[in-house]
Amino acid sequence: MADAGVVESEPHENMETKNEEEEEETIEIDRDAKEVDLTRRRIEKIEGFDFLRSIQSLCLRWNLIKKIENLHNLTTLTELDLYDNQITKVENLDALVNLETLDLSFNRITTIEGLSSLKKLKMLFFVHNKIEKIEGLSELTELTYLELGDNRIKKIENLSANKKIQRLFLGANQIREIENLDGLDSLEVLSLPANAIQAIKNVDRLPNLRELYLSQNGVREIEGLERCDKLEILDLNYNLLKRITGVRHLKNLTDFWAKSNQVMVRAIAIKYFINLIFMTKLNLDVS
């Protein structure tokens, strides 16, 4: 290919030649490519991409990258995927002013930082890192999708500036209370499974909430849903419920899941839901 550049990656180890000198693998890429996918290429360092003049999507997932660097010339980039690498710090992203999607899931990141220049960012993924606090998002006013599942977060906080957020995922953390969601009027999906929540609070302040996921918590009573008129899905599997109350007014509810709780009289519970005309899925299995 005449008009192309190259990216080097580490060779796969071969048992017969691992003690011999090996040449690095060369990957040829068209300099006008809009999408570049280098998944599982054993790349150890981000480098050699400066020749990409029109790049929009760069996928480097499942590699061996330890540092975010050498991306300053990729100003046309709208999607950057660094899923499952060895990155410890969010840095050197200031030039990516057109970025809309950033995936840093399955890395070793401890702090949310270095994102203030990404004013157009809409989707942000930090699944399975070592993050302890929600912070560093105040400049991301266009954010609509935030995934922080499987971290070490203890508190919902510092989201007041993210008023356009529609989907918030905080499962598998250490959160004890639903709080600090005031003003997030666009929020439609709130996912908090596998935390330490004991009571449903403050969700009635979310006027457009349609899906609420609270499985694998310690919820004992269905409450706090008085103004959640648009709620369609309510997941309370694997909690400590002893009775089903507080949902009869949810006329738009289509899916209600409460299996593996302590609800004993299933016939009464089913009768309780009979007036919910849109209900299509009801799971009260206690086994």
C-alpha atoms as a PDB file:
ATOM      1  CA  MET A   1       0.000   0.000   0.000  1.00  0.00           C
ATOM      2  CA  ALA A   2       1.671   3.198  -1.153  1.00  0.00           C
ATOM      3  CA  ASP A   3      -0.038   5.681   1.149  1.00  0.00           C
ATOM      4  CA  ALA A   4       0.168   3.961   4.498  1.00  0.00           C
ATOM      5  CA  GLY A   5       1.895   3.941   7.850  1.00  0.00           C
ATOM      6  CA  VAL A   6       3.054   1.203  10.154  1.00  0.00           C
ATOM      7  CA  VAL A   7       2.569   0.324  13.796  1.00  0.00           C
ATOM      8  CA  GLU A   8       4.822  -2.113  15.584  1.00  0.00           C
ATOM      9  CA  SER A   9       3.703  -4.673  18.147  1.00  0.00           C
ATOM     10  CA  GLU A  10       5.404  -7.331  20.197  1.00  0.00           C
ATOM     11  CA  PRO A  11       5.603 -10.782  18.556  1.00  0.00           C
ATOM     12  CA  HIS A  12       3.800 -13.751  20.051  1.00  0.00           C
ATOM     13  CA  GLU A  13       6.155 -15.973  21.973  1.00  0.00           C
ATOM     14  CA  ASN A  14       7.153 -19.179  20.208  1.00  0.00           C
ATOM     15  CA  MET A  15       8.599 -21.943  22.378  1.00  0.00           C
ATOM     16  CA  GLU A  16      11.064 -22.969  19.681  1.00  0.00           C
ATOM     17  CA  THR A  17      12.462 -19.504  19.054  1.00  0.00           C
ATOM     18  CA  LYS A  18      11.871 -17.582  22.292  1.00  0.00           C
ATOM     19  CA  ASN A  19      15.595 -17.473  23.025  1.00  0.00           C
ATOM     20  CA  GLU A  20      16.431 -16.205  19.568  1.00  0.00           C
ATOM     21  CA  GLU A  21      16.242 -12.614  18.369  1.00  0.00           C
ATOM     22  CA  GLU A  22      12.777 -11.919  16.958  1.00  0.00           C
ATOM     23  CA  GLU A  23      11.594  -9.176  14.665  1.00  0.00           C
ATOM     24  CA  GLU A  24       8.691  -7.004  15.779  1.00  0.00           C
ATOM     25  CA  GLU A  25       5.407  -7.513  13.959  1.00  0.00           C
ATOM     26  CA  THR A  26       4.598  -4.698  11.541  1.00  0.00           C
ATOM     27  CA  ILE A  27       0.977  -3.671  11.044  1.00  0.00           C
ATOM     28  CA  GLU A  28       0.231  -1.638   7.923  1.00  0.00           C
ATOM     29  CA  ILE A  29      -2.580   0.922   8.142  1.00  0.00           C
ATOM     30  CA  ASP A  30      -4.020   3.213   5.478  1.00  0.00           C
ATOM     31  CA  ARG A  31      -3.345   6.797   6.535  1.00  0.00           C
ATOM     32  CA  ASP A  32      -6.917   7.763   5.544  1.00  0.00           C
ATOM     33  CA  ALA A  33      -8.482   5.039   7.679  1.00  0.00           C
ATOM     34  CA  LYS A  34     -11.381   6.256   9.815  1.00  0.00           C
ATOM     35  CA  GLU A  35     -11.499   3.150  12.007  1.00  0.00           C
ATOM     36  CA  VAL A  36      -8.478   1.256  13.303  1.00  0.00           C
ATOM     37  CA  ASP A  37      -8.904  -1.927  15.343  1.00  0.00           C
ATOM     38  CA  LEU A  38      -5.769  -3.386  16.921  1.00  0.00           C
ATOM     39  CA  THR A  39      -7.388  -5.723  19.412  1.00  0.00           C
ATOM     40  CA  ARG A  40      -5.106  -8.355  20.972  1.00  0.00           C
ATOM     41  CA  ARG A  41      -1.896  -7.348  19.191  1.00  0.00           C
ATOM     42  CA  ARG A  42       0.305  -7.410  22.316  1.00  0.00           C
ATOM     43  CA  ILE A  43       1.007  -3.700  21.867  1.00  0.00           C
ATOM     44  CA  GLU A  44       3.003  -2.334  24.802  1.00  0.00           C
ATOM     45  CA  LYS A  45       3.144   1.344  23.882  1.00  0.00           C
ATOM     46  CA  ILE A  46       0.871   3.804  22.091  1.00  0.00           C
ATOM     47  CA  GLU A  47       3.028   5.231  19.311  1.00  0.00           C
ATOM     48  CA  GLY A  48       3.285   5.626  15.564  1.00  0.00           C
ATOM     49  CA  PHE A  49      -0.258   6.871  14.921  1.00  0.00           C
ATOM     50  CA  ASP A  50       0.585  10.462  13.955  1.00  0.00           C
ATOM     51  CA  PHE A  51       0.129   9.738  10.236  1.00  0.00           C
ATOM     52  CA  LEU A  52      -3.604   9.044  10.656  1.00  0.00           C
ATOM     53  CA  ARG A  53      -5.251  12.140   9.177  1.00  0.00           C
ATOM     54  CA  SER A  54      -8.929  11.190   9.413  1.00  0.00           C
ATOM     55  CA  ILE A  55      -9.065   8.691  12.261  1.00  0.00           C
ATOM     56  CA  GLN A  56     -12.379   8.626  14.136  1.00  0.00           C
ATOM     57  CA  SER A  57     -12.250   5.345  16.042  1.00  0.00           C
ATOM     58  CA  LEU A  58      -9.162   3.733  17.587  1.00  0.00           C
ATOM     59  CA  CYS A  59      -9.533   0.382  19.336  1.00  0.00           C
ATOM     60  CA  LEU A  60      -6.580  -0.897  21.369  1.00  0.00           C
ATOM     61  CA  ARG A  61      -8.394  -3.271  23.689  1.00  0.00           C
ATOM     62  CA  TRP A  62      -6.761  -6.375  25.163  1.00  0.00           C
ATOM     63  CA  ASN A  63      -3.180  -5.198  24.814  1.00  0.00           C
ATOM     64  CA  LEU A  64      -0.298  -4.549  27.219  1.00  0.00           C
ATOM     65  CA  ILE A  65      -0.396  -0.747  27.303  1.00  0.00           C
ATOM     66  CA  LYS A  66       0.726   0.866  30.550  1.00  0.00           C
ATOM     67  CA  LYS A  67       0.442   4.554  29.690  1.00  0.00           C
ATOM     68  CA  ILE A  68      -1.840   6.822  27.659  1.00  0.00           C
ATOM     69  CA  GLU A  69       0.497   8.839  25.421  1.00  0.00           C
ATOM     70  CA  ASN A  70       1.296  10.037  21.900  1.00  0.00           C
ATOM     71  CA  LEU A  71      -2.302  10.803  20.933  1.00  0.00           C
ATOM     72  CA  HIS A  72      -1.976  14.595  20.668  1.00  0.00           C
ATOM     73  CA  ASN A  73      -2.178  14.654  16.853  1.00  0.00           C
ATOM     74  CA  LEU A  74      -5.338  12.543  16.647  1.00  0.00           C
ATOM     75  CA  THR A  75      -7.682  15.497  17.048  1.00  0.00           C
ATOM     76  CA  THR A  76     -10.328  13.955  14.764  1.00  0.00           C
ATOM     77  CA  LEU A  77     -10.791  11.012  17.115  1.00  0.00           C
ATOM     78  CA  THR A  78     -14.350  10.517  18.417  1.00  0.00           C
ATOM     79  CA  GLU A  79     -13.965   7.055  19.968  1.00  0.00           C
ATOM     80  CA  LEU A  80     -11.037   5.647  21.956  1.00  0.00           C
ATOM     81  CA  ASP A  81     -11.138   2.103  23.323  1.00  0.00           C
ATOM     82  CA  LEU A  82      -8.412   1.086  25.789  1.00  0.00           C
ATOM     83  CA  TYR A  83     -10.370  -1.709  27.466  1.00  0.00           C
ATOM     84  CA  ASP A  84      -8.306  -4.332  29.313  1.00  0.00           C
ATOM     85  CA  ASN A  85      -4.787  -2.954  29.380  1.00  0.00           C
ATOM     86  CA  GLN A  86      -2.452  -2.093  32.267  1.00  0.00           C
ATOM     87  CA  ILE A  87      -3.110   1.647  32.513  1.00  0.00           C
ATOM     88  CA  THR A  88      -2.785   3.228  35.968  1.00  0.00           C
ATOM     89  CA  LYS A  89      -3.489   6.899  35.218  1.00  0.00           C
ATOM     90  CA  VAL A  90      -5.818   8.931  32.994  1.00  0.00           C
ATOM     91  CA  GLU A  91      -3.534  11.434  31.254  1.00  0.00           C
ATOM     92  CA  ASN A  92      -2.492  13.044  27.957  1.00  0.00           C
ATOM     93  CA  LEU A  93      -6.008  13.309  26.525  1.00  0.00           C
ATOM     94  CA  ASP A  94      -6.289  17.108  26.359  1.00  0.00           C
ATOM     95  CA  ALA A  95      -5.924  17.298  22.566  1.00  0.00           C
ATOM     96  CA  LEU A  96      -8.810  14.912  21.892  1.00  0.00           C
ATOM     97  CA  VAL A  97     -11.406  17.675  21.907  1.00  0.00           C
ATOM     98  CA  ASN A  98     -13.798  15.766  19.614  1.00  0.00           C
ATOM     99  CA  LEU A  99     -13.856  12.588  21.669  1.00  0.00           C
ATOM    100  CA  GLU A 100     -17.384  11.303  22.368  1.00  0.00           C
ATOM    101  CA  THR A 101     -16.723   7.788  23.689  1.00  0.00           C
ATOM    102  CA  LEU A 102     -13.918   6.677  26.005  1.00  0.00           C
ATOM    103  CA  ASP A 103     -13.552   3.151  27.385  1.00  0.00           C
ATOM    104  CA  LEU A 104     -10.947   2.581  30.094  1.00  0.00           C
ATOM    105  CA  SER A 105     -12.566  -0.488  31.611  1.00  0.00           C
ATOM    106  CA  PHE A 106     -10.482  -3.321  33.063  1.00  0.00           C
ATOM    107  CA  ASN A 107      -7.364  -1.332  33.835  1.00  0.00           C
ATOM    108  CA  ARG A 108      -5.647  -0.328  37.088  1.00  0.00           C
ATOM    109  CA  ILE A 109      -6.919   3.223  37.446  1.00  0.00           C
ATOM    110  CA  THR A 110      -7.454   4.604  40.958  1.00  0.00           C
ATOM    111  CA  THR A 111      -8.572   8.183  40.233  1.00  0.00           C
ATOM    112  CA  ILE A 112     -10.929   9.806  37.717  1.00  0.00           C
ATOM    113  CA  GLU A 113      -8.872  12.707  36.368  1.00  0.00           C
ATOM    114  CA  GLY A 114      -7.504  14.263  33.188  1.00  0.00           C
ATOM    115  CA  LEU A 115     -10.865  14.562  31.438  1.00  0.00           C
ATOM    116  CA  SER A 116     -11.647  18.273  31.723  1.00  0.00           C
ATOM    117  CA  SER A 117     -10.824  19.058  28.074  1.00  0.00           C
ATOM    118  CA  LEU A 118     -13.174  16.422  26.691  1.00  0.00           C
ATOM    119  CA  LYS A 119     -16.180  18.740  26.444  1.00  0.00           C
ATOM    120  CA  LYS A 120     -17.954  16.581  23.838  1.00  0.00           C
ATOM    121  CA  LEU A 121     -17.666  13.315  25.744  1.00  0.00           C
ATOM    122  CA  LYS A 122     -20.996  11.464  25.883  1.00  0.00           C
ATOM    123  CA  MET A 123     -20.093   7.921  26.934  1.00  0.00           C
ATOM    124  CA  LEU A 124     -17.529   7.030  29.604  1.00  0.00           C
ATOM    125  CA  PHE A 125     -16.628   3.541  30.826  1.00  0.00           C
ATOM    126  CA  PHE A 126     -14.477   2.730  33.862  1.00  0.00           C
ATOM    127  CA  VAL A 127     -15.663  -0.812  34.651  1.00  0.00           C
ATOM    128  CA  HIS A 128     -13.415  -2.944  36.889  1.00  0.00           C
ATOM    129  CA  ASN A 129     -10.763  -0.517  38.023  1.00  0.00           C
ATOM    130  CA  LYS A 130      -9.693   0.561  41.517  1.00  0.00           C
ATOM    131  CA  ILE A 131     -11.619   3.826  41.716  1.00  0.00           C
ATOM    132  CA  GLU A 132     -12.729   4.869  45.209  1.00  0.00           C
ATOM    133  CA  LYS A 133     -14.483   8.163  44.499  1.00  0.00           C
ATOM    134  CA  ILE A 134     -16.723   9.722  41.851  1.00  0.00           C
ATOM    135  CA  GLU A 135     -14.910  12.923  40.867  1.00  0.00           C
ATOM    136  CA  GLY A 136     -13.355  14.768  37.941  1.00  0.00           C
ATOM    137  CA  LEU A 137     -16.538  14.841  35.857  1.00  0.00           C
ATOM    138  CA  SER A 138     -17.744  18.409  36.379  1.00  0.00           C
ATOM    139  CA  GLU A 139     -16.604  19.606  32.930  1.00  0.00           C
ATOM    140  CA  LEU A 140     -18.322  16.761  31.096  1.00  0.00           C
ATOM    141  CA  THR A 141     -21.673  18.469  30.673  1.00  0.00           C
ATOM    142  CA  GLU A 142     -22.592  16.452  27.541  1.00  0.00           C
ATOM    143  CA  LEU A 143     -22.195  13.103  29.298  1.00  0.00           C
ATOM    144  CA  THR A 144     -25.223  10.827  28.835  1.00  0.00           C
ATOM    145  CA  TYR A 145     -23.815   7.397  29.754  1.00  0.00           C
ATOM    146  CA  LEU A 146     -21.565   6.659  32.740  1.00  0.00           C
ATOM    147  CA  GLU A 147     -20.405   3.163  33.717  1.00  0.00           C
ATOM    148  CA  LEU A 148     -18.446   2.821  36.970  1.00  0.00           C
ATOM    149  CA  GLY A 149     -19.350  -0.744  37.873  1.00  0.00           C
ATOM    150  CA  ASP A 150     -17.027  -3.036  39.818  1.00  0.00           C
ATOM    151  CA  ASN A 151     -14.880  -0.464  41.578  1.00  0.00           C
ATOM    152  CA  ARG A 152     -14.442   0.595  45.216  1.00  0.00           C
ATOM    153  CA  ILE A 153     -16.856   3.520  45.307  1.00  0.00           C
ATOM    154  CA  LYS A 154     -18.555   4.136  48.647  1.00  0.00           C
ATOM    155  CA  LYS A 155     -20.737   7.144  47.853  1.00  0.00           C
ATOM    156  CA  ILE A 156     -22.768   8.637  45.008  1.00  0.00           C
ATOM    157  CA  GLU A 157     -21.505  12.209  44.675  1.00  0.00           C
ATOM    158  CA  ASN A 158     -20.181  14.957  42.400  1.00  0.00           C
ATOM    159  CA  LEU A 159     -22.661  14.435  39.562  1.00  0.00           C
ATOM    160  CA  SER A 160     -24.600  17.698  39.819  1.00  0.00           C
ATOM    161  CA  ALA A 161     -22.985  19.143  36.666  1.00  0.00           C
ATOM    162  CA  ASN A 162     -23.864  16.097  34.554  1.00  0.00           C
ATOM    163  CA  LYS A 163     -27.470  17.083  33.961  1.00  0.00           C
ATOM    164  CA  LYS A 164     -27.763  15.279  30.623  1.00  0.00           C
ATOM    165  CA  ILE A 165     -26.863  11.883  32.013  1.00  0.00           C
ATOM    166  CA  GLN A 166     -29.441   9.266  31.035  1.00  0.00           C
ATOM    167  CA  ARG A 167     -27.850   5.984  32.102  1.00  0.00           C
ATOM    168  CA  LEU A 168     -25.839   5.566  35.302  1.00  0.00           C
ATOM    169  CA  PHE A 169     -24.261   2.220  36.217  1.00  0.00           C
ATOM    170  CA  LEU A 170     -22.700   1.780  39.661  1.00  0.00           C
ATOM    171  CA  GLY A 171     -23.077  -1.940  40.298  1.00  0.00           C
ATOM    172  CA  ALA A 172     -20.634  -4.001  42.378  1.00  0.00           C
ATOM    173  CA  ASN A 173     -19.317  -1.172  44.526  1.00  0.00           C
ATOM    174  CA  GLN A 174     -19.611  -0.393  48.245  1.00  0.00           C
ATOM    175  CA  ILE A 175     -22.459   2.134  48.121  1.00  0.00           C
ATOM    176  CA  ARG A 176     -24.757   2.217  51.159  1.00  0.00           C
ATOM    177  CA  GLU A 177     -27.216   4.943  50.222  1.00  0.00           C
ATOM    178  CA  ILE A 178     -28.956   6.309  47.143  1.00  0.00           C
ATOM    179  CA  GLU A 179     -28.208  10.028  47.352  1.00  0.00           C
ATOM    180  CA  ASN A 180     -27.002  13.179  45.589  1.00  0.00           C
ATOM    181  CA  LEU A 181     -29.032  12.640  42.427  1.00  0.00           C
ATOM    182  CA  ASP A 182     -30.951  15.925  42.631  1.00  0.00           C
ATOM    183  CA  GLY A 183     -31.107  17.754  39.312  1.00  0.00           C
ATOM    184  CA  LEU A 184     -30.430  14.689  37.161  1.00  0.00           C
ATOM    185  CA  ASP A 185     -33.793  15.083  35.468  1.00  0.00           C
ATOM    186  CA  SER A 186     -32.691  13.251  32.312  1.00  0.00           C
ATOM    187  CA  LEU A 187     -31.760  10.059  34.164  1.00  0.00           C
ATOM    188  CA  GLU A 188     -33.714   7.087  32.802  1.00  0.00           C
ATOM    189  CA  VAL A 189     -31.661   4.109  33.997  1.00  0.00           C
ATOM    190  CA  LEU A 190     -30.158   3.761  37.473  1.00  0.00           C
ATOM    191  CA  SER A 191     -28.272   0.523  38.094  1.00  0.00           C
ATOM    192  CA  LEU A 192     -26.964  -0.264  41.594  1.00  0.00           C
ATOM    193  CA  PRO A 193     -26.836  -4.065  41.970  1.00  0.00           C
ATOM    194  CA  ALA A 194     -24.413  -5.760  44.368  1.00  0.00           C
ATOM    195  CA  ASN A 195     -23.915  -2.862  46.759  1.00  0.00           C
ATOM    196  CA  ALA A 196     -24.850  -2.420  50.435  1.00  0.00           C
ATOM    197  CA  ILE A 197     -28.108  -0.483  50.019  1.00  0.00           C
ATOM    198  CA  GLN A 198     -30.785  -1.153  52.639  1.00  0.00           C
ATOM    199  CA  ALA A 199     -33.455   1.383  51.683  1.00  0.00           C
ATOM    200  CA  ILE A 200     -34.858   2.870  48.474  1.00  0.00           C
ATOM    201  CA  LYS A 201     -34.451   6.616  48.868  1.00  0.00           C
ATOM    202  CA  ASN A 202     -34.322   9.753  46.742  1.00  0.00           C
ATOM    203  CA  VAL A 203     -35.286   8.098  43.454  1.00  0.00           C
ATOM    204  CA  ASP A 204     -38.638   9.890  43.473  1.00  0.00           C
ATOM    205  CA  ARG A 205     -36.663  13.016  42.588  1.00  0.00           C
ATOM    206  CA  LEU A 206     -35.870  11.526  39.184  1.00  0.00           C
ATOM    207  CA  PRO A 207     -38.902  12.449  37.033  1.00  0.00           C
ATOM    208  CA  ASN A 208     -37.868  10.400  33.990  1.00  0.00           C
ATOM    209  CA  LEU A 209     -36.639   7.245  35.712  1.00  0.00           C
ATOM    210  CA  ARG A 210     -37.732   4.186  33.733  1.00  0.00           C
ATOM    211  CA  GLU A 211     -35.433   1.415  34.969  1.00  0.00           C
ATOM    212  CA  LEU A 212     -34.188   0.781  38.517  1.00  0.00           C
ATOM    213  CA  TYR A 213     -31.843  -2.137  39.249  1.00  0.00           C
ATOM    214  CA  LEU A 214     -31.206  -2.971  42.918  1.00  0.00           C
ATOM    215  CA  SER A 215     -30.589  -6.717  42.968  1.00  0.00           C
ATOM    216  CA  GLN A 216     -28.165  -8.209  45.511  1.00  0.00           C
ATOM    217  CA  ASN A 217     -28.570  -5.520  48.149  1.00  0.00           C
ATOM    218  CA  GLY A 218     -30.207  -5.524  51.578  1.00  0.00           C
ATOM    219  CA  VAL A 219     -33.514  -3.829  50.771  1.00  0.00           C
ATOM    220  CA  ARG A 220     -36.245  -4.840  53.242  1.00  0.00           C
ATOM    221  CA  GLU A 221     -39.162  -2.752  52.023  1.00  0.00           C
ATOM    222  CA  ILE A 222     -40.370  -1.251  48.749  1.00  0.00           C
ATOM    223  CA  GLU A 223     -40.687   2.459  49.428  1.00  0.00           C
ATOM    224  CA  GLY A 224     -39.764   5.839  48.009  1.00  0.00           C
ATOM    225  CA  LEU A 225     -41.320   5.269  44.593  1.00  0.00           C
ATOM    226  CA  GLU A 226     -44.341   7.521  45.072  1.00  0.00           C
ATOM    227  CA  ARG A 227     -43.486   9.861  42.205  1.00  0.00           C
ATOM    228  CA  CYS A 228     -41.802   7.387  39.869  1.00  0.00           C
ATOM    229  CA  ASP A 229     -44.756   7.356  37.482  1.00  0.00           C
ATOM    230  CA  LYS A 230     -42.674   6.419  34.431  1.00  0.00           C
ATOM    231  CA  LEU A 231     -40.967   3.401  36.007  1.00  0.00           C
ATOM    232  CA  GLU A 232     -41.112   0.373  33.697  1.00  0.00           C
ATOM    233  CA  ILE A 233     -38.540  -2.027  35.169  1.00  0.00           C
ATOM    234  CA  LEU A 234     -37.912  -2.679  38.871  1.00  0.00           C
ATOM    235  CA  ASP A 235     -35.297  -5.284  39.811  1.00  0.00           C
ATOM    236  CA  LEU A 236     -35.215  -6.312  43.474  1.00  0.00           C
ATOM    237  CA  ASN A 237     -33.922  -9.862  43.095  1.00  0.00           C
ATOM    238  CA  TYR A 238     -31.848 -11.206  45.985  1.00  0.00           C
ATOM    239  CA  ASN A 239     -32.852  -8.760  48.694  1.00  0.00           C
ATOM    240  CA  LEU A 240     -34.600  -9.121  52.060  1.00  0.00           C
ATOM    241  CA  LEU A 241     -38.192  -8.303  51.112  1.00  0.00           C
ATOM    242  CA  LYS A 242     -40.878  -9.954  53.229  1.00  0.00           C
ATOM    243  CA  ARG A 243     -43.876  -8.459  51.473  1.00  0.00           C
ATOM    244  CA  ILE A 244     -44.779  -6.701  48.255  1.00  0.00           C
ATOM    245  CA  THR A 245     -46.139  -3.184  48.730  1.00  0.00           C
ATOM    246  CA  GLY A 246     -45.546   0.280  47.351  1.00  0.00           C
ATOM    247  CA  VAL A 247     -45.761  -0.481  43.641  1.00  0.00           C
ATOM    248  CA  ARG A 248     -49.477  -0.673  42.840  1.00  0.00           C
ATOM    249  CA  HIS A 249     -49.502   2.942  41.673  1.00  0.00           C
ATOM    250  CA  LEU A 250     -46.780   2.269  39.064  1.00  0.00           C
ATOM    251  CA  LYS A 251     -49.124   2.017  36.102  1.00  0.00           C
ATOM    252  CA  ASN A 252     -46.319   1.793  33.522  1.00  0.00           C
ATOM    253  CA  LEU A 253     -44.474  -1.050  35.242  1.00  0.00           C
ATOM    254  CA  THR A 254     -43.856  -3.911  32.786  1.00  0.00           C
ATOM    255  CA  ASP A 255     -41.127  -5.915  34.558  1.00  0.00           C
ATOM    256  CA  PHE A 256     -40.947  -6.633  38.290  1.00  0.00           C
ATOM    257  CA  TRP A 257     -38.297  -9.017  39.618  1.00  0.00           C
ATOM    258  CA  ALA A 258     -38.139 -10.057  43.263  1.00  0.00           C
ATOM    259  CA  LYS A 259     -36.940 -13.652  43.290  1.00  0.00           C
ATOM    260  CA  SER A 260     -34.880 -15.054  46.165  1.00  0.00           C
ATOM    261  CA  ASN A 261     -36.377 -12.733  48.769  1.00  0.00           C
ATOM    262  CA  GLN A 262     -38.453 -13.683  51.795  1.00  0.00           C
ATOM    263  CA  VAL A 263     -41.859 -13.211  50.171  1.00  0.00           C
ATOM    264  CA  MET A 264     -43.945 -16.150  51.371  1.00  0.00           C
ATOM    265  CA  VAL A 265     -47.473 -15.782  49.981  1.00  0.00           C
ATOM    266  CA  ARG A 266     -47.043 -15.661  46.222  1.00  0.00           C
ATOM    267  CA  ALA A 267     -50.759 -15.891  45.444  1.00  0.00           C
ATOM    268  CA  ILE A 268     -51.467 -12.709  47.400  1.00  0.00           C
ATOM    269  CA  ALA A 269     -48.542 -10.994  45.721  1.00  0.00           C
ATOM    270  CA  ILE A 270     -49.811 -11.885  42.251  1.00  0.00           C
ATOM    271  CA  LYS A 271     -53.283 -10.622  43.144  1.00  0.00           C
ATOM    272  CA  TYR A 272     -51.634  -7.390  44.277  1.00  0.00           C
ATOM    273  CA  PHE A 273     -50.306  -6.797  40.736  1.00  0.00           C
ATOM    274  CA  ILE A 274     -53.480  -7.598  38.860  1.00  0.00           C
ATOM    275  CA  ASN A 275     -54.336  -3.942  38.196  1.00  0.00           C
ATOM    276  CA  LEU A 276     -50.985  -3.167  36.561  1.00  0.00           C
ATOM    277  CA  ILE A 277     -52.211  -3.481  32.999  1.00  0.00           C
ATOM    278  CA  PHE A 278     -48.807  -3.151  31.304  1.00  0.00           C
ATOM    279  CA  MET A 279     -47.096  -5.828  33.402  1.00  0.00           C
ATOM    280  CA  THR A 280     -45.540  -8.517  31.191  1.00  0.00           C
ATOM    281  CA  LYS A 281     -42.917 -10.062  33.502  1.00  0.00           C
ATOM    282  CA  LEU A 282     -43.438 -10.916  37.165  1.00  0.00           C
ATOM    283  CA  ASN A 283     -40.834 -13.021  38.963  1.00  0.00           C
ATOM    284  CA  LEU A 284     -41.381 -13.752  42.655  1.00  0.00           C
ATOM    285  CA  ASP A 285     -39.575 -17.094  42.772  1.00  0.00           C
ATOM    286  CA  VAL A 286     -38.405 -17.680  46.348  1.00  0.00           C
ATOM    287  CA  SER A 287     -36.180 -20.641  45.534  1.00  0.00           C
END
